[in-house]
Amino acid sequence: MTYRTLTALMMAGILLVAVAVAACGGSDEERSSDGEDAAMQDDGPASESGDEVVIHVHAEKTRFDPEVISVAVGQKVRLTLDNHDPILHDYTTDDPEFVVYASEGAEHGGHADATRVDGQVSLRPLHVAADAEQHADLLFEATEAGEYVFYCSVTGHQEGGMVGTIVVTG
């Protein structure tokens, strides 16, 4: 291989790396022109959608991501449970400090009455289930500030660490 060929190959390699880096773009903070927090971007766990906040909670390998979510009293929250496992997972609280406006998810054991809400607005604990590799939606509003535990009520999942905290600020 001649010196000229070797130099041309090196330059082509450097150019290829530069194009690949440019195609990947910068960080969320660099791409956000309006100064929005990275967590509020569409690809983050939370985003604004009209008069409600949308929070995506991923369920995978007996873990929730994120494990801590924050909402404000009186704020409408659409929680989407994204199940990335080949088995059912759910999102459950025991505290009736929430007004549930709508719920759409999988039928799930003793929670059948809490799985679907059709126009019935009431103060109740949160519950929504997502079948394997599916998602479920829950529209709710917190009524009291505090910290509430959420967990997966499928046998053994809570004990295996599938728990988190919803922090409600006043």
N, C-alpha and C. Protein backbone atom coordinates (compact mmCIF):
# COMPACT_ATOMS: atom_id res chain seq x y z
N MET A 1 0.85 -1.17 0.00
CA MET A 1 0.00 0.00 0.00
C MET A 1 0.90 1.24 0.00
N THR A 2 0.58 2.17 -0.90
CA THR A 2 1.39 3.37 -1.01
C THR A 2 1.00 4.36 0.07
N TYR A 3 1.88 5.31 0.27
CA TYR A 3 1.63 6.37 1.25
C TYR A 3 0.38 7.15 0.89
N ARG A 4 0.17 7.43 -0.39
CA ARG A 4 -0.98 8.18 -0.85
C ARG A 4 -2.28 7.41 -0.58
N THR A 5 -2.30 6.09 -0.79
CA THR A 5 -3.47 5.26 -0.54
C THR A 5 -3.77 5.21 0.95
N LEU A 6 -2.75 5.04 1.76
CA LEU A 6 -2.92 4.99 3.21
C LEU A 6 -3.49 6.31 3.74
N THR A 7 -2.98 7.43 3.23
CA THR A 7 -3.47 8.74 3.65
C THR A 7 -4.94 8.91 3.25
N ALA A 8 -5.30 8.49 2.04
CA ALA A 8 -6.68 8.60 1.56
C ALA A 8 -7.61 7.76 2.43
N LEU A 9 -7.20 6.56 2.80
CA LEU A 9 -8.02 5.70 3.67
C LEU A 9 -8.20 6.31 5.05
N MET A 10 -7.14 6.89 5.59
CA MET A 10 -7.24 7.54 6.91
C MET A 10 -8.19 8.73 6.86
N MET A 11 -8.10 9.53 5.80
CA MET A 11 -8.98 10.69 5.67
C MET A 11 -10.44 10.25 5.52
N ALA A 12 -10.65 9.18 4.75
CA ALA A 12 -12.00 8.66 4.58
C ALA A 12 -12.55 8.17 5.92
N GLY A 13 -11.72 7.52 6.72
CA GLY A 13 -12.14 7.05 8.04
C GLY A 13 -12.50 8.20 8.98
N ILE A 14 -11.69 9.25 8.97
CA ILE A 14 -11.96 10.42 9.80
C ILE A 14 -13.26 11.09 9.36
N LEU A 15 -13.46 11.20 8.06
CA LEU A 15 -14.69 11.79 7.53
C LEU A 15 -15.91 10.97 7.93
N LEU A 16 -15.80 9.64 7.86
CA LEU A 16 -16.90 8.76 8.23
C LEU A 16 -17.26 8.94 9.71
N VAL A 17 -16.27 9.02 10.58
CA VAL A 17 -16.52 9.24 12.01
C VAL A 17 -17.18 10.59 12.24
N ALA A 18 -16.72 11.63 11.56
CA ALA A 18 -17.30 12.97 11.72
C ALA A 18 -18.76 12.99 11.28
N VAL A 19 -19.09 12.32 10.18
CA VAL A 19 -20.47 12.27 9.70
C VAL A 19 -21.34 11.51 10.69
N ALA A 20 -20.83 10.41 11.24
CA ALA A 20 -21.60 9.62 12.21
C ALA A 20 -21.88 10.43 13.48
N VAL A 21 -20.89 11.17 13.96
CA VAL A 21 -21.07 11.98 15.17
C VAL A 21 -22.09 13.09 14.90
N ALA A 22 -22.00 13.73 13.75
CA ALA A 22 -22.94 14.81 13.42
C ALA A 22 -24.35 14.27 13.29
N ALA A 23 -24.52 13.07 12.76
CA ALA A 23 -25.85 12.49 12.60
C ALA A 23 -26.50 12.17 13.94
N CYS A 24 -25.69 11.84 14.94
CA CYS A 24 -26.23 11.51 16.25
C CYS A 24 -26.75 12.73 16.98
N GLY A 25 -26.26 13.90 16.66
CA GLY A 25 -26.75 15.12 17.30
C GLY A 25 -26.15 15.29 18.67
N GLY A 26 -26.59 16.36 19.35
CA GLY A 26 -26.09 16.66 20.69
C GLY A 26 -27.00 16.12 21.75
N SER A 27 -26.83 16.64 22.96
CA SER A 27 -27.65 16.19 24.09
C SER A 27 -29.04 16.80 24.01
N ASP A 28 -29.97 16.32 24.85
CA ASP A 28 -31.33 16.86 24.91
C ASP A 28 -31.30 18.35 25.21
N GLU A 29 -30.37 18.77 26.10
CA GLU A 29 -30.31 20.17 26.46
C GLU A 29 -29.89 21.01 25.24
N GLU A 30 -28.98 20.49 24.40
CA GLU A 30 -28.56 21.22 23.22
C GLU A 30 -29.67 21.31 22.20
N ARG A 31 -30.52 20.26 22.08
CA ARG A 31 -31.57 20.24 21.08
C ARG A 31 -32.80 21.02 21.52
N SER A 32 -32.96 21.29 22.80
CA SER A 32 -34.15 21.98 23.30
C SER A 32 -33.95 23.48 23.16
N SER A 33 -34.66 24.08 22.21
CA SER A 33 -34.48 25.50 21.96
C SER A 33 -35.26 26.36 22.94
N ASP A 34 -36.24 25.80 23.61
CA ASP A 34 -37.04 26.61 24.51
C ASP A 34 -36.63 26.47 25.97
N GLY A 35 -35.52 25.79 26.26
CA GLY A 35 -35.02 25.66 27.62
C GLY A 35 -35.77 24.66 28.45
N GLU A 36 -36.61 23.81 27.84
CA GLU A 36 -37.37 22.81 28.59
C GLU A 36 -36.43 21.81 29.24
N ASP A 37 -36.82 21.31 30.38
CA ASP A 37 -36.08 20.26 31.07
C ASP A 37 -36.08 19.01 30.20
N ALA A 38 -34.98 18.28 30.17
CA ALA A 38 -34.87 17.06 29.36
C ALA A 38 -35.95 16.06 29.72
N ALA A 39 -36.37 15.98 30.99
CA ALA A 39 -37.40 15.02 31.39
C ALA A 39 -38.75 15.38 30.81
N MET A 40 -38.93 16.61 30.36
CA MET A 40 -40.20 17.02 29.80
C MET A 40 -40.23 16.85 28.28
N GLN A 41 -39.15 16.36 27.67
CA GLN A 41 -39.13 16.10 26.24
C GLN A 41 -40.00 14.89 25.95
N ASP A 42 -40.42 14.74 24.68
CA ASP A 42 -41.29 13.64 24.29
C ASP A 42 -40.68 12.28 24.58
N ASP A 43 -39.34 12.17 24.51
CA ASP A 43 -38.72 10.87 24.72
C ASP A 43 -38.37 10.62 26.17
N GLY A 44 -38.71 11.51 27.09
CA GLY A 44 -38.44 11.33 28.50
C GLY A 44 -39.62 10.67 29.20
N PRO A 45 -39.52 10.44 30.50
CA PRO A 45 -40.59 9.78 31.22
C PRO A 45 -41.83 10.66 31.42
N ALA A 46 -41.70 11.98 31.29
CA ALA A 46 -42.86 12.85 31.50
C ALA A 46 -42.90 13.92 30.42
N SER A 47 -44.11 14.31 30.03
CA SER A 47 -44.27 15.39 29.06
C SER A 47 -45.61 16.05 29.28
N GLU A 48 -45.74 17.29 28.80
CA GLU A 48 -46.99 18.04 28.89
C GLU A 48 -47.85 17.70 27.68
N SER A 49 -49.14 17.53 27.88
CA SER A 49 -50.07 17.28 26.79
C SER A 49 -51.36 18.02 27.09
N GLY A 50 -51.46 19.26 26.61
CA GLY A 50 -52.65 20.05 26.91
C GLY A 50 -52.73 20.38 28.38
N ASP A 51 -53.83 20.01 29.02
CA ASP A 51 -54.02 20.31 30.44
C ASP A 51 -53.61 19.15 31.35
N GLU A 52 -52.90 18.17 30.81
CA GLU A 52 -52.47 17.04 31.64
C GLU A 52 -50.98 16.75 31.44
N VAL A 53 -50.40 16.12 32.44
CA VAL A 53 -49.02 15.67 32.38
C VAL A 53 -49.06 14.19 32.02
N VAL A 54 -48.21 13.78 31.09
CA VAL A 54 -48.14 12.38 30.69
C VAL A 54 -46.86 11.79 31.27
N ILE A 55 -47.00 10.69 32.00
CA ILE A 55 -45.86 10.02 32.60
C ILE A 55 -45.82 8.59 32.09
N HIS A 56 -44.68 8.20 31.54
CA HIS A 56 -44.48 6.82 31.08
C HIS A 56 -43.70 6.08 32.16
N VAL A 57 -44.27 4.97 32.62
CA VAL A 57 -43.59 4.11 33.59
C VAL A 57 -43.33 2.79 32.87
N HIS A 58 -42.06 2.42 32.78
CA HIS A 58 -41.67 1.18 32.12
C HIS A 58 -41.60 0.07 33.16
N ALA A 59 -42.21 -1.06 32.83
CA ALA A 59 -42.17 -2.24 33.70
C ALA A 59 -41.34 -3.30 32.98
N GLU A 60 -40.26 -3.71 33.64
CA GLU A 60 -39.39 -4.71 33.02
C GLU A 60 -38.53 -5.38 34.08
N LYS A 61 -38.48 -6.70 34.01
CA LYS A 61 -37.62 -7.50 34.91
C LYS A 61 -37.86 -7.15 36.38
N THR A 62 -39.09 -7.17 36.80
CA THR A 62 -39.54 -6.82 38.15
C THR A 62 -38.95 -5.50 38.66
N ARG A 63 -38.94 -4.50 37.77
CA ARG A 63 -38.52 -3.15 38.12
C ARG A 63 -39.41 -2.15 37.39
N PHE A 64 -39.62 -1.00 38.04
CA PHE A 64 -40.27 0.14 37.41
C PHE A 64 -39.20 1.16 37.07
N ASP A 65 -39.38 1.86 35.97
CA ASP A 65 -38.49 2.95 35.60
C ASP A 65 -39.35 4.08 35.06
N PRO A 66 -39.41 5.20 35.74
CA PRO A 66 -38.68 5.55 36.97
C PRO A 66 -39.34 4.94 38.20
N GLU A 67 -38.56 4.86 39.26
CA GLU A 67 -39.08 4.32 40.52
C GLU A 67 -39.74 5.40 41.36
N VAL A 68 -39.45 6.66 41.08
CA VAL A 68 -40.06 7.78 41.79
C VAL A 68 -40.65 8.71 40.73
N ILE A 69 -41.94 9.04 40.90
CA ILE A 69 -42.56 10.03 40.03
C ILE A 69 -43.17 11.11 40.90
N SER A 70 -43.21 12.33 40.38
CA SER A 70 -43.74 13.47 41.13
C SER A 70 -44.88 14.11 40.36
N VAL A 71 -45.95 14.43 41.08
CA VAL A 71 -47.10 15.13 40.53
C VAL A 71 -47.55 16.16 41.56
N ALA A 72 -48.41 17.07 41.14
CA ALA A 72 -48.94 18.08 42.04
C ALA A 72 -50.40 17.79 42.35
N VAL A 73 -50.84 18.19 43.54
CA VAL A 73 -52.25 18.06 43.90
C VAL A 73 -53.07 18.83 42.87
N GLY A 74 -54.16 18.23 42.39
CA GLY A 74 -55.04 18.87 41.45
C GLY A 74 -54.60 18.81 40.00
N GLN A 75 -53.44 18.26 39.72
CA GLN A 75 -52.92 18.16 38.36
C GLN A 75 -53.42 16.85 37.73
N LYS A 76 -53.98 16.93 36.52
CA LYS A 76 -54.41 15.72 35.83
C LYS A 76 -53.17 15.02 35.29
N VAL A 77 -53.08 13.72 35.56
CA VAL A 77 -51.93 12.93 35.15
C VAL A 77 -52.41 11.74 34.33
N ARG A 78 -51.82 11.58 33.15
CA ARG A 78 -52.05 10.37 32.35
C ARG A 78 -50.81 9.50 32.52
N LEU A 79 -51.00 8.41 33.26
CA LEU A 79 -49.90 7.47 33.49
C LEU A 79 -50.03 6.35 32.45
N THR A 80 -48.98 6.15 31.68
CA THR A 80 -48.94 5.06 30.71
C THR A 80 -47.97 4.02 31.24
N LEU A 81 -48.48 2.83 31.50
CA LEU A 81 -47.66 1.71 31.95
C LEU A 81 -47.22 0.94 30.72
N ASP A 82 -45.93 0.99 30.42
CA ASP A 82 -45.36 0.29 29.26
C ASP A 82 -44.71 -1.00 29.75
N ASN A 83 -45.32 -2.13 29.42
CA ASN A 83 -44.83 -3.43 29.87
C ASN A 83 -43.89 -4.01 28.81
N HIS A 84 -42.64 -4.19 29.17
CA HIS A 84 -41.62 -4.71 28.25
C HIS A 84 -41.29 -6.17 28.53
N ASP A 85 -42.14 -6.87 29.25
CA ASP A 85 -41.90 -8.27 29.60
C ASP A 85 -42.94 -9.18 28.95
N PRO A 86 -42.65 -10.47 28.90
CA PRO A 86 -43.61 -11.43 28.32
C PRO A 86 -44.69 -11.89 29.30
N ILE A 87 -44.85 -11.16 30.42
CA ILE A 87 -45.88 -11.48 31.42
C ILE A 87 -46.60 -10.19 31.82
N LEU A 88 -47.78 -10.30 32.42
CA LEU A 88 -48.55 -9.16 32.87
C LEU A 88 -47.85 -8.46 34.04
N HIS A 89 -47.92 -7.12 34.05
CA HIS A 89 -47.50 -6.31 35.19
C HIS A 89 -48.61 -5.31 35.46
N ASP A 90 -48.67 -4.79 36.69
CA ASP A 90 -49.63 -3.74 36.99
C ASP A 90 -48.98 -2.64 37.81
N TYR A 91 -49.73 -1.57 37.99
CA TYR A 91 -49.33 -0.41 38.77
C TYR A 91 -50.44 -0.22 39.78
N THR A 92 -50.13 -0.35 41.07
CA THR A 92 -51.15 -0.37 42.12
C THR A 92 -50.72 0.48 43.30
N THR A 93 -51.66 1.22 43.89
CA THR A 93 -51.45 1.86 45.18
C THR A 93 -52.52 1.34 46.13
N ASP A 94 -52.30 1.49 47.42
CA ASP A 94 -53.30 1.08 48.40
C ASP A 94 -54.06 2.27 48.98
N ASP A 95 -53.59 3.48 48.72
CA ASP A 95 -54.17 4.67 49.32
C ASP A 95 -55.23 5.29 48.41
N PRO A 96 -56.43 5.56 48.95
CA PRO A 96 -57.50 6.16 48.14
C PRO A 96 -57.41 7.68 48.10
N GLU A 97 -56.27 8.22 47.75
CA GLU A 97 -56.08 9.67 47.71
C GLU A 97 -56.09 10.20 46.28
N PHE A 98 -56.72 9.48 45.37
CA PHE A 98 -56.70 9.82 43.95
C PHE A 98 -58.10 9.78 43.36
N VAL A 99 -58.40 10.73 42.49
CA VAL A 99 -59.62 10.70 41.71
C VAL A 99 -59.25 10.06 40.38
N VAL A 100 -59.90 8.96 40.05
CA VAL A 100 -59.61 8.24 38.80
C VAL A 100 -60.67 8.65 37.78
N TYR A 101 -60.21 9.23 36.66
CA TYR A 101 -61.12 9.69 35.60
C TYR A 101 -61.31 8.63 34.52
N ALA A 102 -60.25 7.93 34.19
CA ALA A 102 -60.33 6.92 33.13
C ALA A 102 -59.22 5.90 33.32
N SER A 103 -59.50 4.68 32.92
CA SER A 103 -58.53 3.61 33.03
C SER A 103 -58.79 2.61 31.92
N GLU A 104 -57.73 2.24 31.23
CA GLU A 104 -57.86 1.23 30.19
C GLU A 104 -56.66 0.31 30.26
N GLY A 105 -56.93 -0.95 30.56
CA GLY A 105 -55.85 -1.91 30.68
C GLY A 105 -56.38 -3.32 30.64
N ALA A 106 -55.54 -4.25 31.00
CA ALA A 106 -55.88 -5.67 30.97
C ALA A 106 -56.74 -6.04 32.17
N GLU A 107 -57.59 -7.05 32.00
CA GLU A 107 -58.32 -7.63 33.13
C GLU A 107 -57.28 -8.30 34.01
N HIS A 108 -57.48 -8.17 35.33
CA HIS A 108 -56.43 -8.66 36.22
C HIS A 108 -57.00 -9.12 37.55
N GLY A 109 -57.16 -10.41 37.70
CA GLY A 109 -57.53 -11.02 38.96
C GLY A 109 -58.63 -10.30 39.72
N GLY A 110 -58.40 -10.00 40.98
CA GLY A 110 -59.37 -9.36 41.84
C GLY A 110 -59.51 -7.87 41.62
N HIS A 111 -58.82 -7.33 40.59
CA HIS A 111 -58.87 -5.89 40.33
C HIS A 111 -59.78 -5.54 39.17
N ALA A 112 -60.67 -6.44 38.77
CA ALA A 112 -61.49 -6.21 37.57
C ALA A 112 -62.27 -4.90 37.65
N ASP A 113 -62.79 -4.55 38.83
CA ASP A 113 -63.57 -3.31 38.95
C ASP A 113 -62.70 -2.07 38.84
N ALA A 114 -61.41 -2.19 39.14
CA ALA A 114 -60.51 -1.04 39.08
C ALA A 114 -59.77 -0.96 37.74
N THR A 115 -59.89 -1.99 36.92
CA THR A 115 -59.15 -2.01 35.66
C THR A 115 -59.76 -1.10 34.63
N ARG A 116 -61.07 -1.04 34.56
CA ARG A 116 -61.73 -0.17 33.57
C ARG A 116 -62.67 0.79 34.30
N VAL A 117 -62.53 2.04 33.96
CA VAL A 117 -63.42 3.06 34.52
C VAL A 117 -64.15 3.68 33.34
N ASP A 118 -65.45 3.56 33.31
CA ASP A 118 -66.26 4.08 32.21
C ASP A 118 -67.11 5.23 32.71
N GLY A 119 -66.53 6.43 32.71
CA GLY A 119 -67.29 7.61 33.12
C GLY A 119 -67.50 7.73 34.61
N GLN A 120 -67.06 6.77 35.39
CA GLN A 120 -67.24 6.81 36.84
C GLN A 120 -66.04 7.50 37.47
N VAL A 121 -66.27 8.60 38.13
CA VAL A 121 -65.20 9.34 38.79
C VAL A 121 -65.36 9.12 40.28
N SER A 122 -64.30 8.63 40.93
CA SER A 122 -64.40 8.36 42.35
C SER A 122 -63.04 8.45 43.00
N LEU A 123 -63.05 8.58 44.32
CA LEU A 123 -61.83 8.58 45.10
C LEU A 123 -61.46 7.13 45.35
N ARG A 124 -60.29 6.72 44.86
CA ARG A 124 -59.90 5.33 45.00
C ARG A 124 -58.39 5.18 44.86
N PRO A 125 -57.86 4.02 45.26
CA PRO A 125 -56.45 3.73 44.98
C PRO A 125 -56.26 3.62 43.46
N LEU A 126 -55.03 3.73 43.03
CA LEU A 126 -54.71 3.60 41.61
C LEU A 126 -54.46 2.14 41.26
N HIS A 127 -54.94 1.74 40.09
CA HIS A 127 -54.65 0.39 39.59
C HIS A 127 -54.87 0.36 38.09
N VAL A 128 -53.87 -0.15 37.38
CA VAL A 128 -54.01 -0.43 35.95
C VAL A 128 -53.03 -1.56 35.63
N ALA A 129 -53.44 -2.47 34.75
CA ALA A 129 -52.61 -3.62 34.38
C ALA A 129 -52.34 -3.61 32.88
N ALA A 130 -51.15 -4.05 32.52
CA ALA A 130 -50.76 -4.15 31.11
C ALA A 130 -50.36 -5.58 30.81
N ASP A 131 -51.01 -6.16 29.80
CA ASP A 131 -50.64 -7.51 29.35
C ASP A 131 -49.20 -7.52 28.84
N ALA A 132 -48.69 -8.71 28.60
CA ALA A 132 -47.33 -8.89 28.09
C ALA A 132 -47.08 -8.04 26.85
N GLU A 133 -45.97 -7.29 26.87
CA GLU A 133 -45.54 -6.46 25.74
C GLU A 133 -46.60 -5.46 25.30
N GLN A 134 -47.47 -5.01 26.21
CA GLN A 134 -48.54 -4.05 25.90
C GLN A 134 -48.39 -2.83 26.80
N HIS A 135 -49.29 -1.88 26.65
CA HIS A 135 -49.33 -0.74 27.56
C HIS A 135 -50.76 -0.53 28.04
N ALA A 136 -50.87 0.21 29.13
CA ALA A 136 -52.16 0.54 29.72
C ALA A 136 -52.13 2.01 30.15
N ASP A 137 -53.31 2.65 30.17
CA ASP A 137 -53.39 4.07 30.52
C ASP A 137 -54.30 4.29 31.71
N LEU A 138 -53.92 5.26 32.53
CA LEU A 138 -54.67 5.63 33.72
C LEU A 138 -54.67 7.15 33.81
N LEU A 139 -55.84 7.77 33.85
CA LEU A 139 -55.96 9.22 34.00
C LEU A 139 -56.47 9.50 35.40
N PHE A 140 -55.68 10.26 36.17
CA PHE A 140 -56.04 10.50 37.57
C PHE A 140 -55.60 11.87 38.01
N GLU A 141 -56.04 12.21 39.23
CA GLU A 141 -55.66 13.46 39.89
C GLU A 141 -55.45 13.15 41.37
N ALA A 142 -54.34 13.62 41.92
CA ALA A 142 -54.07 13.42 43.34
C ALA A 142 -54.84 14.46 44.15
N THR A 143 -55.36 14.04 45.31
CA THR A 143 -56.16 14.96 46.14
C THR A 143 -55.43 15.44 47.38
N GLU A 144 -54.37 14.72 47.80
CA GLU A 144 -53.63 15.12 49.00
C GLU A 144 -52.14 14.95 48.80
N ALA A 145 -51.38 15.93 49.32
CA ALA A 145 -49.92 15.85 49.25
C ALA A 145 -49.42 14.69 50.11
N GLY A 146 -48.32 14.12 49.72
CA GLY A 146 -47.72 13.04 50.48
C GLY A 146 -46.91 12.13 49.58
N GLU A 147 -46.39 11.09 50.18
CA GLU A 147 -45.65 10.07 49.43
C GLU A 147 -46.42 8.77 49.53
N TYR A 148 -46.67 8.16 48.38
CA TYR A 148 -47.47 6.95 48.31
C TYR A 148 -46.68 5.87 47.58
N VAL A 149 -46.72 4.67 48.12
CA VAL A 149 -46.02 3.55 47.51
C VAL A 149 -46.87 2.99 46.37
N PHE A 150 -46.23 2.72 45.23
CA PHE A 150 -46.89 1.97 44.18
C PHE A 150 -46.10 0.69 43.96
N TYR A 151 -46.76 -0.35 43.48
CA TYR A 151 -46.12 -1.65 43.34
C TYR A 151 -46.85 -2.47 42.29
N CYS A 152 -46.23 -3.58 41.90
CA CYS A 152 -46.88 -4.56 41.03
C CYS A 152 -47.47 -5.63 41.94
N SER A 153 -48.79 -5.85 41.81
CA SER A 153 -49.47 -6.79 42.71
C SER A 153 -49.44 -8.23 42.20
N VAL A 154 -48.76 -8.50 41.09
CA VAL A 154 -48.61 -9.88 40.62
C VAL A 154 -47.78 -10.63 41.66
N THR A 155 -48.19 -11.83 41.98
CA THR A 155 -47.55 -12.62 43.04
C THR A 155 -46.02 -12.64 42.89
N GLY A 156 -45.34 -12.20 43.95
CA GLY A 156 -43.88 -12.23 44.01
C GLY A 156 -43.19 -11.01 43.45
N HIS A 157 -43.88 -10.17 42.69
CA HIS A 157 -43.22 -9.03 42.07
C HIS A 157 -42.88 -7.93 43.07
N GLN A 158 -43.81 -7.59 43.95
CA GLN A 158 -43.52 -6.58 44.97
C GLN A 158 -42.37 -7.06 45.86
N GLU A 159 -42.43 -8.32 46.25
CA GLU A 159 -41.36 -8.89 47.10
C GLU A 159 -40.03 -8.92 46.35
N GLY A 160 -40.08 -9.00 45.03
CA GLY A 160 -38.87 -9.01 44.22
C GLY A 160 -38.33 -7.62 43.92
N GLY A 161 -38.97 -6.58 44.45
CA GLY A 161 -38.46 -5.23 44.29
C GLY A 161 -39.21 -4.36 43.29
N MET A 162 -40.35 -4.80 42.80
CA MET A 162 -41.11 -4.02 41.83
C MET A 162 -41.99 -3.04 42.59
N VAL A 163 -41.36 -2.00 43.14
CA VAL A 163 -42.01 -0.97 43.94
C VAL A 163 -41.45 0.39 43.56
N GLY A 164 -42.20 1.42 43.90
CA GLY A 164 -41.76 2.78 43.67
C GLY A 164 -42.54 3.73 44.55
N THR A 165 -42.32 5.01 44.34
CA THR A 165 -42.98 6.04 45.14
C THR A 165 -43.55 7.11 44.22
N ILE A 166 -44.79 7.50 44.48
CA ILE A 166 -45.37 8.65 43.82
C ILE A 166 -45.39 9.78 44.84
N VAL A 167 -44.68 10.86 44.54
CA VAL A 167 -44.58 12.00 45.43
C VAL A 167 -45.58 13.06 44.94
N VAL A 168 -46.51 13.41 45.82
CA VAL A 168 -47.53 14.41 45.49
C VAL A 168 -47.21 15.67 46.27
N THR A 169 -46.98 16.75 45.54
CA THR A 169 -46.67 18.02 46.17
C THR A 169 -47.90 18.91 46.22
N GLY A 170 -47.96 19.76 47.24
CA GLY A 170 -49.13 20.60 47.47
C GLY A 170 -49.18 21.85 46.69
